[in-house]
Amino acid sequence: MQLTKAEEQVMQILWQMKSGLVKEIRDKFHDPKPVRNTVSTVLRVLEKKGYVGHEANGNVHNYHPLISKGDYSKSQLFGLMEGYFNNSFPAMASFFAREKDLTIQELEELMEDTRKEISKDKKQK
């Protein structure tokens, strides 16, 4: 599920903090900060969508992410690949390589980094 820009901003802060109260989350925003009610409303929407949970202590709610940043990033990236690149990773990678005007050396470094990551993942399994 795609999040709105405001929802993503709150999630980025929660992923960084691990958990927080509305006031603490609001304080992490750059100026001009959103009003408290806006942050509270976004958190409740995120909770309904299943991205955020909370623990209540009286009237105070301590919010925490229910989905990891990695899992969200992966779902968004795969959605982008499916929706815009016919589910083709090479097409998506080629697009970004062209857009970023990567040199042959940068592409080779990217391939080497990818090989290392794949090798590391296989050893962990």
Protein backbone atom coordinates (compact mmCIF):
# COMPACT_ATOMS: atom_id res chain seq x y z
CA MET A 1 0.00 0.00 0.00
CA GLN A 2 1.33 3.41 -0.98
CA LEU A 3 1.66 5.96 1.79
CA THR A 4 1.00 9.67 1.38
CA LYS A 5 3.90 12.10 1.71
CA ALA A 6 2.78 13.07 5.22
CA GLU A 7 2.46 9.42 6.24
CA GLU A 8 5.94 8.67 4.89
CA GLN A 9 7.39 11.62 6.80
CA VAL A 10 5.93 10.31 10.06
CA MET A 11 7.11 6.77 9.28
CA GLN A 12 10.66 7.99 8.53
CA ILE A 13 10.72 9.65 11.95
CA LEU A 14 9.28 6.58 13.70
CA TRP A 15 11.76 4.26 12.00
CA GLN A 16 14.55 6.51 13.23
CA MET A 17 13.16 6.85 16.78
CA LYS A 18 11.87 3.24 17.13
CA SER A 19 8.95 4.62 19.18
CA GLY A 20 7.65 7.94 20.37
CA LEU A 21 4.88 10.13 21.67
CA VAL A 22 3.05 12.55 19.37
CA LYS A 23 4.99 15.47 20.86
CA GLU A 24 8.35 13.71 20.37
CA ILE A 25 7.50 12.82 16.77
CA ARG A 26 6.32 16.38 16.07
CA ASP A 27 9.56 17.77 17.53
CA LYS A 28 11.60 15.80 14.94
CA PHE A 29 9.98 17.72 12.04
CA HIS A 30 11.82 20.67 10.52
CA ASP A 31 10.30 24.13 10.96
CA PRO A 32 7.56 24.97 10.33
CA LYS A 33 6.42 21.97 12.34
CA PRO A 34 2.95 20.52 11.72
CA VAL A 35 0.37 21.09 14.43
CA ARG A 36 -0.01 18.38 17.05
CA ASN A 37 -3.47 17.33 15.82
CA THR A 38 -2.14 16.76 12.31
CA VAL A 39 0.60 14.43 13.56
CA SER A 40 -1.91 12.64 15.78
CA THR A 41 -4.34 12.20 12.87
CA VAL A 42 -1.62 10.84 10.58
CA LEU A 43 -0.58 8.37 13.29
CA ARG A 44 -4.16 7.15 13.68
CA VAL A 45 -4.45 6.69 9.88
CA LEU A 46 -1.16 4.77 9.86
CA GLU A 47 -2.49 2.63 12.68
CA LYS A 48 -5.67 1.82 10.72
CA LYS A 49 -3.51 0.89 7.71
CA GLY A 50 -1.46 -1.48 9.89
CA TYR A 51 1.84 0.40 9.73
CA VAL A 52 1.88 1.69 13.32
CA GLY A 53 0.85 0.35 16.70
CA HIS A 54 0.70 2.01 20.09
CA GLU A 55 0.88 1.27 23.77
CA ALA A 56 -1.42 3.31 25.95
CA ASN A 57 -0.46 4.69 29.31
CA GLY A 58 -3.61 6.50 30.38
CA ASN A 59 -4.33 9.14 27.75
CA VAL A 60 -0.76 9.03 26.41
CA HIS A 61 0.02 6.80 23.43
CA ASN A 62 3.53 5.64 22.63
CA TYR A 63 3.61 4.81 18.90
CA HIS A 64 5.91 2.32 17.19
CA PRO A 65 6.27 0.99 13.63
CA LEU A 66 4.74 -2.39 12.84
CA ILE A 67 6.53 -2.65 9.49
CA SER A 68 10.26 -2.24 9.08
CA LYS A 69 11.74 0.41 6.83
CA GLY A 70 13.40 -2.38 4.81
CA ASP A 71 10.12 -4.21 4.22
CA TYR A 72 8.36 -1.00 3.19
CA SER A 73 11.22 0.00 0.90
CA LYS A 74 11.22 -3.44 -0.71
CA SER A 75 7.47 -3.37 -1.36
CA GLN A 76 7.69 0.12 -2.87
CA LEU A 77 10.64 -0.80 -5.06
CA PHE A 78 8.98 -3.96 -6.34
CA GLY A 79 5.77 -1.99 -6.95
CA LEU A 80 7.74 0.57 -8.94
CA MET A 81 9.44 -2.16 -10.94
CA GLU A 82 6.12 -3.87 -11.67
CA GLY A 83 4.17 -0.71 -12.46
CA TYR A 84 6.73 1.14 -14.58
CA PHE A 85 9.25 -1.41 -15.87
CA ASN A 86 7.10 -4.46 -16.76
CA ASN A 87 8.50 -6.27 -13.72
CA SER A 88 11.97 -6.17 -15.29
CA PHE A 89 14.86 -5.39 -12.97
CA PRO A 90 17.31 -4.94 -15.87
CA ALA A 91 14.96 -2.36 -17.44
CA MET A 92 14.70 -0.49 -14.14
CA ALA A 93 18.46 -0.63 -13.50
CA SER A 94 19.17 0.58 -17.06
CA PHE A 95 16.75 3.46 -16.60
CA PHE A 96 18.46 4.64 -13.41
CA ALA A 97 21.93 4.15 -14.89
CA ARG A 98 20.97 6.38 -17.83
CA GLU A 99 19.22 8.96 -15.64
CA LYS A 100 22.20 9.20 -13.28
CA ASP A 101 24.62 9.15 -16.24
CA LEU A 102 26.76 6.48 -14.56
CA THR A 103 30.21 5.82 -15.93
CA ILE A 104 31.42 2.34 -16.87
CA GLN A 105 33.59 2.37 -13.73
CA GLU A 106 30.56 3.24 -11.53
CA LEU A 107 28.54 0.44 -13.16
CA GLU A 108 31.37 -2.03 -12.54
CA GLU A 109 31.57 -0.93 -8.90
CA LEU A 110 27.81 -1.37 -8.60
CA MET A 111 28.05 -4.88 -10.04
CA GLU A 112 30.87 -5.77 -7.63
CA ASP A 113 28.91 -4.40 -4.65
CA THR A 114 25.89 -6.42 -5.80
CA ARG A 115 27.98 -9.60 -6.07
CA LYS A 116 29.28 -9.06 -2.52
CA GLU A 117 25.76 -8.50 -1.14
CA ILE A 118 24.41 -11.62 -2.87
CA SER A 119 27.35 -13.67 -1.60
CA LYS A 120 26.86 -12.33 1.93
CA ASP A 121 23.12 -13.12 1.81
CA LYS A 122 23.80 -16.71 0.63
CA LYS A 123 26.28 -17.28 3.48
CA GLN A 124 23.74 -16.04 6.05
CA LYS A 125 21.08 -18.50 4.86
